[in-house]
Amino acid sequence: MPDRLRWLGHATVLAELDGTRLLTDPLLRPRVLHLRRAAALDLEELENLDAVLVSHVHYDHLDLPSLRRVSRETTVVVPRGAAALVRRSGFGTVVELGAGEDVEIGTLRVRAVPAEHDSSRILGLRSEALGYVLAGSRRVYFAGDTDLFPGMAELGPDLDVALLPIWGWGPSLGPGHLDPRRAAEALALLRPRVAVPIHWGTYYPLQSTRLSLPAFLTAPVGEFERAAAELAPQVDVRVLPVGGSLLLDQG
């Protein structure tokens, strides 16, 4: 089985590396609270996962109805403080990590790394936000939600792929997020061989459209490509459609 990354929209990526299958931050429903998915999604490939990686507890990253679409036998990796919430959904193997800690999943070593992002839910649940570096024969960085932080430079220079958020689900961004320009600045720190923009073009608020989809679903990725060409020209930027795949054996 070739190594492959399939972007399922928002921060959800199916990573198939060295025969191990991981799913990040599953958000799979056509409608989540006040958000609607812009494109339908084929979910047939979500069987036989080795683990789900959750970056933080915000509702668009830890969506329990989406998580329950995968087998309860699947290992779920979460930031410290979030395990009890996931266990209540019937998952028996839940691993809590803090930044700097790691766990072996199949053929891969999964290391939790810092993220610059506030993470909380209603009823007082708070936990740190994380990114993850997946290390096997390749090194793939999944950033979750984050803003720029100096420690990003320490994650390179041996990254094969960076899965990097460039926007969100609305016409503006709150604190703790990368916009297209700052995402390109992050590439200059990370220095991956390949970058795949994520966390854009998937969900939009119901009230933001009438006759056509809003421009913020498509505009950020072009801005990111232009900024990346200026600030990190050595990085190969691969823009995937929702549901699209990148075969890593083909570069």
C-alpha atoms as a PDB file:
ATOM      1  CA  MET A   1       0.000   0.000   0.000  1.00  0.00           C
ATOM      2  CA  PRO A   2       1.580   3.317  -1.024  1.00  0.00           C
ATOM      3  CA  ASP A   3       1.926   6.112   1.499  1.00  0.00           C
ATOM      4  CA  ARG A   4      -0.952   8.507   1.037  1.00  0.00           C
ATOM      5  CA  LEU A   5      -2.581  11.547   2.622  1.00  0.00           C
ATOM      6  CA  ARG A   6      -6.271  12.128   1.935  1.00  0.00           C
ATOM      7  CA  TRP A   7      -7.799  15.447   2.998  1.00  0.00           C
ATOM      8  CA  LEU A   8     -11.422  14.937   4.061  1.00  0.00           C
ATOM      9  CA  GLY A   9     -12.015  18.623   4.734  1.00  0.00           C
ATOM     10  CA  HIS A  10     -11.429  21.060   7.596  1.00  0.00           C
ATOM     11  CA  ALA A  11      -8.701  19.511   9.816  1.00  0.00           C
ATOM     12  CA  THR A  12      -9.588  15.909   8.961  1.00  0.00           C
ATOM     13  CA  VAL A  13      -6.846  13.969   7.179  1.00  0.00           C
ATOM     14  CA  LEU A  14      -6.561  10.229   6.607  1.00  0.00           C
ATOM     15  CA  ALA A  15      -2.836   9.440   6.784  1.00  0.00           C
ATOM     16  CA  GLU A  16      -1.678   6.058   5.492  1.00  0.00           C
ATOM     17  CA  LEU A  17       2.018   5.757   6.305  1.00  0.00           C
ATOM     18  CA  ASP A  18       4.116   2.588   6.437  1.00  0.00           C
ATOM     19  CA  GLY A  19       0.927   0.518   6.546  1.00  0.00           C
ATOM     20  CA  THR A  20      -0.518   2.424   9.534  1.00  0.00           C
ATOM     21  CA  ARG A  21      -3.798   4.335   9.124  1.00  0.00           C
ATOM     22  CA  LEU A  22      -4.454   7.433  11.246  1.00  0.00           C
ATOM     23  CA  LEU A  23      -7.321   9.930  11.130  1.00  0.00           C
ATOM     24  CA  THR A  24      -6.921  13.482  12.443  1.00  0.00           C
ATOM     25  CA  ASP A  25      -9.648  15.609  14.076  1.00  0.00           C
ATOM     26  CA  PRO A  26     -12.646  13.901  12.446  1.00  0.00           C
ATOM     27  CA  LEU A  27     -15.390  16.351  11.440  1.00  0.00           C
ATOM     28  CA  LEU A  28     -17.567  14.348   9.081  1.00  0.00           C
ATOM     29  CA  ARG A  29     -21.141  15.546   9.345  1.00  0.00           C
ATOM     30  CA  PRO A  30     -22.999  17.542   6.671  1.00  0.00           C
ATOM     31  CA  ARG A  31     -24.123  19.995   9.351  1.00  0.00           C
ATOM     32  CA  VAL A  32     -22.445  20.842  12.672  1.00  0.00           C
ATOM     33  CA  LEU A  33     -24.259  23.352  14.900  1.00  0.00           C
ATOM     34  CA  HIS A  34     -24.649  26.440  12.667  1.00  0.00           C
ATOM     35  CA  LEU A  35     -22.164  25.202  10.060  1.00  0.00           C
ATOM     36  CA  ARG A  36     -22.916  23.426   6.794  1.00  0.00           C
ATOM     37  CA  ARG A  37     -20.484  21.354   4.743  1.00  0.00           C
ATOM     38  CA  ALA A  38     -19.925  22.751   1.274  1.00  0.00           C
ATOM     39  CA  ALA A  39     -19.320  19.390  -0.446  1.00  0.00           C
ATOM     40  CA  ALA A  40     -20.471  15.829   0.144  1.00  0.00           C
ATOM     41  CA  LEU A  41     -17.927  13.298   1.355  1.00  0.00           C
ATOM     42  CA  ASP A  42     -17.342   9.591   0.739  1.00  0.00           C
ATOM     43  CA  LEU A  43     -16.591   7.943   4.081  1.00  0.00           C
ATOM     44  CA  GLU A  44     -16.142   4.349   2.913  1.00  0.00           C
ATOM     45  CA  GLU A  45     -12.407   4.319   3.666  1.00  0.00           C
ATOM     46  CA  LEU A  46     -12.736   4.956   7.396  1.00  0.00           C
ATOM     47  CA  GLU A  47     -12.691   1.314   8.435  1.00  0.00           C
ATOM     48  CA  ASN A  48      -9.697  -0.443   9.975  1.00  0.00           C
ATOM     49  CA  LEU A  49      -8.124   2.674  11.436  1.00  0.00           C
ATOM     50  CA  ASP A  50      -5.220   2.227  13.808  1.00  0.00           C
ATOM     51  CA  ALA A  51      -5.867   5.481  15.676  1.00  0.00           C
ATOM     52  CA  VAL A  52      -7.606   8.822  15.714  1.00  0.00           C
ATOM     53  CA  LEU A  53      -5.544  11.870  16.696  1.00  0.00           C
ATOM     54  CA  VAL A  54      -7.393  14.770  18.336  1.00  0.00           C
ATOM     55  CA  SER A  55      -5.521  18.062  18.516  1.00  0.00           C
ATOM     56  CA  HIS A  56      -7.787  19.928  20.948  1.00  0.00           C
ATOM     57  CA  VAL A  57     -11.295  19.986  22.388  1.00  0.00           C
ATOM     58  CA  HIS A  58     -13.014  22.681  20.304  1.00  0.00           C
ATOM     59  CA  TYR A  59     -16.222  21.390  18.763  1.00  0.00           C
ATOM     60  CA  ASP A  60     -14.936  21.548  15.181  1.00  0.00           C
ATOM     61  CA  HIS A  61     -11.964  19.324  16.109  1.00  0.00           C
ATOM     62  CA  LEU A  62     -13.405  17.006  18.762  1.00  0.00           C
ATOM     63  CA  ASP A  63     -16.872  16.347  17.340  1.00  0.00           C
ATOM     64  CA  LEU A  64     -18.249  13.374  19.243  1.00  0.00           C
ATOM     65  CA  PRO A  65     -20.930  12.382  16.662  1.00  0.00           C
ATOM     66  CA  SER A  66     -18.213  12.284  13.986  1.00  0.00           C
ATOM     67  CA  LEU A  67     -15.866  10.353  16.263  1.00  0.00           C
ATOM     68  CA  ARG A  68     -18.579   7.760  16.869  1.00  0.00           C
ATOM     69  CA  ARG A  69     -18.578   6.954  13.138  1.00  0.00           C
ATOM     70  CA  VAL A  70     -15.346   5.004  13.595  1.00  0.00           C
ATOM     71  CA  SER A  71     -15.003   1.690  15.417  1.00  0.00           C
ATOM     72  CA  ARG A  72     -14.998   1.862  19.211  1.00  0.00           C
ATOM     73  CA  GLU A  73     -11.994  -0.478  19.044  1.00  0.00           C
ATOM     74  CA  THR A  74      -9.905   2.339  17.564  1.00  0.00           C
ATOM     75  CA  THR A  75      -7.266   3.958  19.751  1.00  0.00           C
ATOM     76  CA  VAL A  76      -7.935   7.666  20.297  1.00  0.00           C
ATOM     77  CA  VAL A  77      -5.063  10.000  21.177  1.00  0.00           C
ATOM     78  CA  VAL A  78      -6.075  13.227  22.939  1.00  0.00           C
ATOM     79  CA  PRO A  79      -4.508  16.074  24.915  1.00  0.00           C
ATOM     80  CA  ARG A  80      -4.318  15.620  28.663  1.00  0.00           C
ATOM     81  CA  GLY A  81      -7.664  16.249  30.310  1.00  0.00           C
ATOM     82  CA  ALA A  82      -9.833  15.101  27.388  1.00  0.00           C
ATOM     83  CA  ALA A  83      -9.809  11.323  27.867  1.00  0.00           C
ATOM     84  CA  ALA A  84     -12.900  11.069  30.085  1.00  0.00           C
ATOM     85  CA  LEU A  85     -15.039  12.855  27.489  1.00  0.00           C
ATOM     86  CA  VAL A  86     -13.974  10.407  24.772  1.00  0.00           C
ATOM     87  CA  ARG A  87     -14.347   7.342  26.982  1.00  0.00           C
ATOM     88  CA  ARG A  88     -17.973   8.303  27.645  1.00  0.00           C
ATOM     89  CA  SER A  89     -18.558   7.770  23.918  1.00  0.00           C
ATOM     90  CA  GLY A  90     -17.551   4.123  24.289  1.00  0.00           C
ATOM     91  CA  PHE A  91     -13.880   4.140  23.290  1.00  0.00           C
ATOM     92  CA  GLY A  92     -11.887   1.783  25.478  1.00  0.00           C
ATOM     93  CA  THR A  93      -8.353   2.748  24.475  1.00  0.00           C
ATOM     94  CA  VAL A  94      -7.765   6.469  24.948  1.00  0.00           C
ATOM     95  CA  VAL A  95      -4.220   7.791  25.269  1.00  0.00           C
ATOM     96  CA  GLU A  96      -3.572  11.208  26.790  1.00  0.00           C
ATOM     97  CA  LEU A  97      -0.445  13.070  25.758  1.00  0.00           C
ATOM     98  CA  GLY A  98       1.173  16.360  26.654  1.00  0.00           C
ATOM     99  CA  ALA A  99       3.523  18.318  24.423  1.00  0.00           C
ATOM    100  CA  GLY A 100       6.827  16.483  24.165  1.00  0.00           C
ATOM    101  CA  GLU A 101       5.351  13.042  24.853  1.00  0.00           C
ATOM    102  CA  ASP A 102       4.890  10.285  22.290  1.00  0.00           C
ATOM    103  CA  VAL A 103       3.183   6.963  21.679  1.00  0.00           C
ATOM    104  CA  GLU A 104       3.772   4.104  19.283  1.00  0.00           C
ATOM    105  CA  ILE A 105       0.869   3.470  16.902  1.00  0.00           C
ATOM    106  CA  GLY A 106       1.427   0.571  14.530  1.00  0.00           C
ATOM    107  CA  THR A 107       4.651   1.234  12.628  1.00  0.00           C
ATOM    108  CA  LEU A 108       4.741   4.925  13.585  1.00  0.00           C
ATOM    109  CA  ARG A 109       5.950   6.994  16.511  1.00  0.00           C
ATOM    110  CA  VAL A 110       3.425   9.778  17.157  1.00  0.00           C
ATOM    111  CA  ARG A 111       4.856  12.740  19.042  1.00  0.00           C
ATOM    112  CA  ALA A 112       2.704  15.495  20.534  1.00  0.00           C
ATOM    113  CA  VAL A 113       4.101  18.962  19.902  1.00  0.00           C
ATOM    114  CA  PRO A 114       2.974  22.402  21.126  1.00  0.00           C
ATOM    115  CA  ALA A 115       0.319  24.528  19.468  1.00  0.00           C
ATOM    116  CA  GLU A 116      -0.444  28.194  20.132  1.00  0.00           C
ATOM    117  CA  HIS A 117      -4.213  27.985  20.567  1.00  0.00           C
ATOM    118  CA  ASP A 118      -6.694  28.254  23.429  1.00  0.00           C
ATOM    119  CA  SER A 119      -8.745  25.071  23.876  1.00  0.00           C
ATOM    120  CA  SER A 120     -11.910  24.736  25.962  1.00  0.00           C
ATOM    121  CA  ARG A 121     -15.500  23.497  25.859  1.00  0.00           C
ATOM    122  CA  ILE A 122     -18.607  24.407  27.782  1.00  0.00           C
ATOM    123  CA  LEU A 123     -18.953  23.053  31.334  1.00  0.00           C
ATOM    124  CA  GLY A 124     -15.372  24.035  32.093  1.00  0.00           C
ATOM    125  CA  LEU A 125     -13.403  21.377  30.184  1.00  0.00           C
ATOM    126  CA  ARG A 126     -10.010  22.784  29.217  1.00  0.00           C
ATOM    127  CA  SER A 127      -6.931  21.127  27.819  1.00  0.00           C
ATOM    128  CA  GLU A 128      -3.838  22.209  25.969  1.00  0.00           C
ATOM    129  CA  ALA A 129      -3.880  22.280  22.199  1.00  0.00           C
ATOM    130  CA  LEU A 130      -1.437  20.006  20.393  1.00  0.00           C
ATOM    131  CA  GLY A 131      -0.002  19.266  17.015  1.00  0.00           C
ATOM    132  CA  TYR A 132       1.430  15.870  16.112  1.00  0.00           C
ATOM    133  CA  VAL A 133       4.509  14.679  14.244  1.00  0.00           C
ATOM    134  CA  LEU A 134       4.033  11.246  12.675  1.00  0.00           C
ATOM    135  CA  ALA A 135       7.430   9.586  12.314  1.00  0.00           C
ATOM    136  CA  GLY A 136       8.235   6.442  10.356  1.00  0.00           C
ATOM    137  CA  SER A 137      10.051   6.250   7.066  1.00  0.00           C
ATOM    138  CA  ARG A 138       8.653   9.785   6.572  1.00  0.00           C
ATOM    139  CA  ARG A 139       7.913  12.651   8.947  1.00  0.00           C
ATOM    140  CA  VAL A 140       4.518  14.338   8.665  1.00  0.00           C
ATOM    141  CA  TYR A 141       3.489  17.305  10.814  1.00  0.00           C
ATOM    142  CA  PHE A 142      -0.203  17.844  11.556  1.00  0.00           C
ATOM    143  CA  ALA A 143      -0.591  21.275  13.112  1.00  0.00           C
ATOM    144  CA  GLY A 144      -4.180  21.095  14.399  1.00  0.00           C
ATOM    145  CA  ASP A 145      -5.126  24.694  15.163  1.00  0.00           C
ATOM    146  CA  THR A 146      -2.268  27.035  15.942  1.00  0.00           C
ATOM    147  CA  ASP A 147      -0.798  30.458  15.500  1.00  0.00           C
ATOM    148  CA  LEU A 148       2.887  31.056  14.841  1.00  0.00           C
ATOM    149  CA  PHE A 149       5.245  30.167  17.690  1.00  0.00           C
ATOM    150  CA  PRO A 150       9.070  30.140  17.758  1.00  0.00           C
ATOM    151  CA  GLY A 151       9.257  26.423  18.494  1.00  0.00           C
ATOM    152  CA  MET A 152       7.993  25.670  14.996  1.00  0.00           C
ATOM    153  CA  ALA A 153      11.547  26.026  13.753  1.00  0.00           C
ATOM    154  CA  GLU A 154      12.572  23.104  15.970  1.00  0.00           C
ATOM    155  CA  LEU A 155      10.172  20.731  14.183  1.00  0.00           C
ATOM    156  CA  GLY A 156      12.249  20.938  10.978  1.00  0.00           C
ATOM    157  CA  PRO A 157      14.309  20.601   8.865  1.00  0.00           C
ATOM    158  CA  ASP A 158      13.478  16.924   8.327  1.00  0.00           C
ATOM    159  CA  LEU A 159       9.742  17.193   7.690  1.00  0.00           C
ATOM    160  CA  ASP A 160       8.496  15.528   4.545  1.00  0.00           C
ATOM    161  CA  VAL A 161       4.999  17.039   4.748  1.00  0.00           C
ATOM    162  CA  ALA A 162       3.337  19.792   6.780  1.00  0.00           C
ATOM    163  CA  LEU A 163      -0.464  19.694   7.052  1.00  0.00           C
ATOM    164  CA  LEU A 164      -1.009  23.340   7.817  1.00  0.00           C
ATOM    165  CA  PRO A 165      -4.206  25.267   8.660  1.00  0.00           C
ATOM    166  CA  ILE A 166      -4.647  28.410   6.592  1.00  0.00           C
ATOM    167  CA  TRP A 167      -8.140  29.665   7.485  1.00  0.00           C
ATOM    168  CA  GLY A 168     -11.313  28.520   9.224  1.00  0.00           C
ATOM    169  CA  TRP A 169     -15.052  28.337   8.628  1.00  0.00           C
ATOM    170  CA  GLY A 170     -16.112  31.986   8.486  1.00  0.00           C
ATOM    171  CA  PRO A 171     -15.339  35.375   6.973  1.00  0.00           C
ATOM    172  CA  SER A 172     -12.813  36.207   9.726  1.00  0.00           C
ATOM    173  CA  LEU A 173     -10.457  34.486  12.158  1.00  0.00           C
ATOM    174  CA  GLY A 174     -10.178  34.745  15.903  1.00  0.00           C
ATOM    175  CA  PRO A 175      -6.878  34.633  17.826  1.00  0.00           C
ATOM    176  CA  GLY A 176      -4.793  31.488  17.747  1.00  0.00           C
ATOM    177  CA  HIS A 177      -5.200  30.765  14.037  1.00  0.00           C
ATOM    178  CA  LEU A 178      -3.007  31.013  10.979  1.00  0.00           C
ATOM    179  CA  ASP A 179      -4.246  33.152   8.122  1.00  0.00           C
ATOM    180  CA  PRO A 180      -2.735  32.611   4.648  1.00  0.00           C
ATOM    181  CA  ARG A 181       0.184  34.992   5.200  1.00  0.00           C
ATOM    182  CA  ARG A 182       1.075  33.685   8.643  1.00  0.00           C
ATOM    183  CA  ALA A 183       0.756  30.109   7.385  1.00  0.00           C
ATOM    184  CA  ALA A 184       3.361  30.943   4.746  1.00  0.00           C
ATOM    185  CA  GLU A 185       5.568  32.406   7.474  1.00  0.00           C
ATOM    186  CA  ALA A 186       5.158  29.104   9.330  1.00  0.00           C
ATOM    187  CA  LEU A 187       6.403  27.258   6.253  1.00  0.00           C
ATOM    188  CA  ALA A 188       9.561  29.359   6.323  1.00  0.00           C
ATOM    189  CA  LEU A 189      10.145  28.110   9.894  1.00  0.00           C
ATOM    190  CA  LEU A 190       9.138  24.492   9.324  1.00  0.00           C
ATOM    191  CA  ARG A 191      10.914  23.993   5.976  1.00  0.00           C
ATOM    192  CA  PRO A 192       8.989  20.863   4.914  1.00  0.00           C
ATOM    193  CA  ARG A 193       9.504  19.367   1.493  1.00  0.00           C
ATOM    194  CA  VAL A 194       5.754  19.487   0.801  1.00  0.00           C
ATOM    195  CA  ALA A 195       2.911  21.503   2.334  1.00  0.00           C
ATOM    196  CA  VAL A 196      -0.780  20.662   2.128  1.00  0.00           C
ATOM    197  CA  PRO A 197      -3.134  23.472   3.223  1.00  0.00           C
ATOM    198  CA  ILE A 198      -6.000  22.301   5.435  1.00  0.00           C
ATOM    199  CA  HIS A 199      -8.697  23.920   7.618  1.00  0.00           C
ATOM    200  CA  TRP A 200     -10.247  25.918   4.768  1.00  0.00           C
ATOM    201  CA  GLY A 201     -12.987  25.616   2.164  1.00  0.00           C
ATOM    202  CA  THR A 202     -15.149  23.054   3.953  1.00  0.00           C
ATOM    203  CA  TYR A 203     -17.729  24.543   6.336  1.00  0.00           C
ATOM    204  CA  TYR A 204     -19.547  27.860   6.339  1.00  0.00           C
ATOM    205  CA  PRO A 205     -22.193  29.470   8.589  1.00  0.00           C
ATOM    206  CA  LEU A 206     -25.724  29.047   7.292  1.00  0.00           C
ATOM    207  CA  GLN A 207     -26.387  32.774   7.535  1.00  0.00           C
ATOM    208  CA  SER A 208     -23.400  33.706   5.353  1.00  0.00           C
ATOM    209  CA  THR A 209     -24.863  32.645   1.998  1.00  0.00           C
ATOM    210  CA  ARG A 210     -28.003  33.137  -0.048  1.00  0.00           C
ATOM    211  CA  LEU A 211     -27.614  32.304  -3.728  1.00  0.00           C
ATOM    212  CA  SER A 212     -23.934  31.298  -3.918  1.00  0.00           C
ATOM    213  CA  LEU A 213     -21.193  29.991  -1.666  1.00  0.00           C
ATOM    214  CA  PRO A 214     -19.186  32.687   0.136  1.00  0.00           C
ATOM    215  CA  ALA A 215     -15.819  33.761  -1.243  1.00  0.00           C
ATOM    216  CA  PHE A 216     -13.988  32.836   1.977  1.00  0.00           C
ATOM    217  CA  LEU A 217     -14.422  29.174   1.035  1.00  0.00           C
ATOM    218  CA  THR A 218     -12.041  29.564  -1.912  1.00  0.00           C
ATOM    219  CA  ALA A 219     -10.045  32.804  -1.620  1.00  0.00           C
ATOM    220  CA  PRO A 220      -7.663  31.859   1.252  1.00  0.00           C
ATOM    221  CA  VAL A 221      -5.900  29.065  -0.620  1.00  0.00           C
ATOM    222  CA  GLY A 222      -4.876  31.339  -3.483  1.00  0.00           C
ATOM    223  CA  GLU A 223      -3.580  33.887  -0.992  1.00  0.00           C
ATOM    224  CA  PHE A 224      -1.617  31.134   0.733  1.00  0.00           C
ATOM    225  CA  GLU A 225      -0.064  29.919  -2.519  1.00  0.00           C
ATOM    226  CA  ARG A 226       1.083  33.424  -3.399  1.00  0.00           C
ATOM    227  CA  ALA A 227       2.505  34.080   0.069  1.00  0.00           C
ATOM    228  CA  ALA A 228       4.234  30.687   0.164  1.00  0.00           C
ATOM    229  CA  ALA A 229       5.860  31.344  -3.216  1.00  0.00           C
ATOM    230  CA  GLU A 230       7.250  34.580  -1.782  1.00  0.00           C
ATOM    231  CA  LEU A 231       8.271  33.480   1.720  1.00  0.00           C
ATOM    232  CA  ALA A 232       9.045  29.748   1.336  1.00  0.00           C
ATOM    233  CA  PRO A 233       9.742  29.157  -2.377  1.00  0.00           C
ATOM    234  CA  GLN A 234      11.602  25.920  -1.641  1.00  0.00           C
ATOM    235  CA  VAL A 235       8.397  24.271  -0.352  1.00  0.00           C
ATOM    236  CA  ASP A 236       6.239  22.331  -2.810  1.00  0.00           C
ATOM    237  CA  VAL A 237       2.650  23.420  -2.061  1.00  0.00           C
ATOM    238  CA  ARG A 238       0.026  20.823  -3.002  1.00  0.00           C
ATOM    239  CA  VAL A 239      -3.576  22.043  -2.920  1.00  0.00           C
ATOM    240  CA  LEU A 240      -6.064  19.191  -2.606  1.00  0.00           C
ATOM    241  CA  PRO A 241      -9.810  19.320  -3.149  1.00  0.00           C
ATOM    242  CA  VAL A 242     -11.959  18.028  -0.307  1.00  0.00           C
ATOM    243  CA  GLY A 243     -11.645  14.263  -0.581  1.00  0.00           C
ATOM    244  CA  GLY A 244      -8.467  14.521  -2.664  1.00  0.00           C
ATOM    245  CA  SER A 245      -5.320  12.466  -2.076  1.00  0.00           C
ATOM    246  CA  LEU A 246      -1.587  12.979  -2.280  1.00  0.00           C
ATOM    247  CA  LEU A 247       0.451   9.856  -3.057  1.00  0.00           C
ATOM    248  CA  LEU A 248       3.750  10.414  -1.305  1.00  0.00           C
ATOM    249  CA  ASP A 249       5.591   7.765  -3.291  1.00  0.00           C
ATOM    250  CA  GLN A 250       5.100  10.014  -6.297  1.00  0.00           C
ATOM    251  CA  GLY A 251       6.711  13.026  -4.530  1.00  0.00           C
END
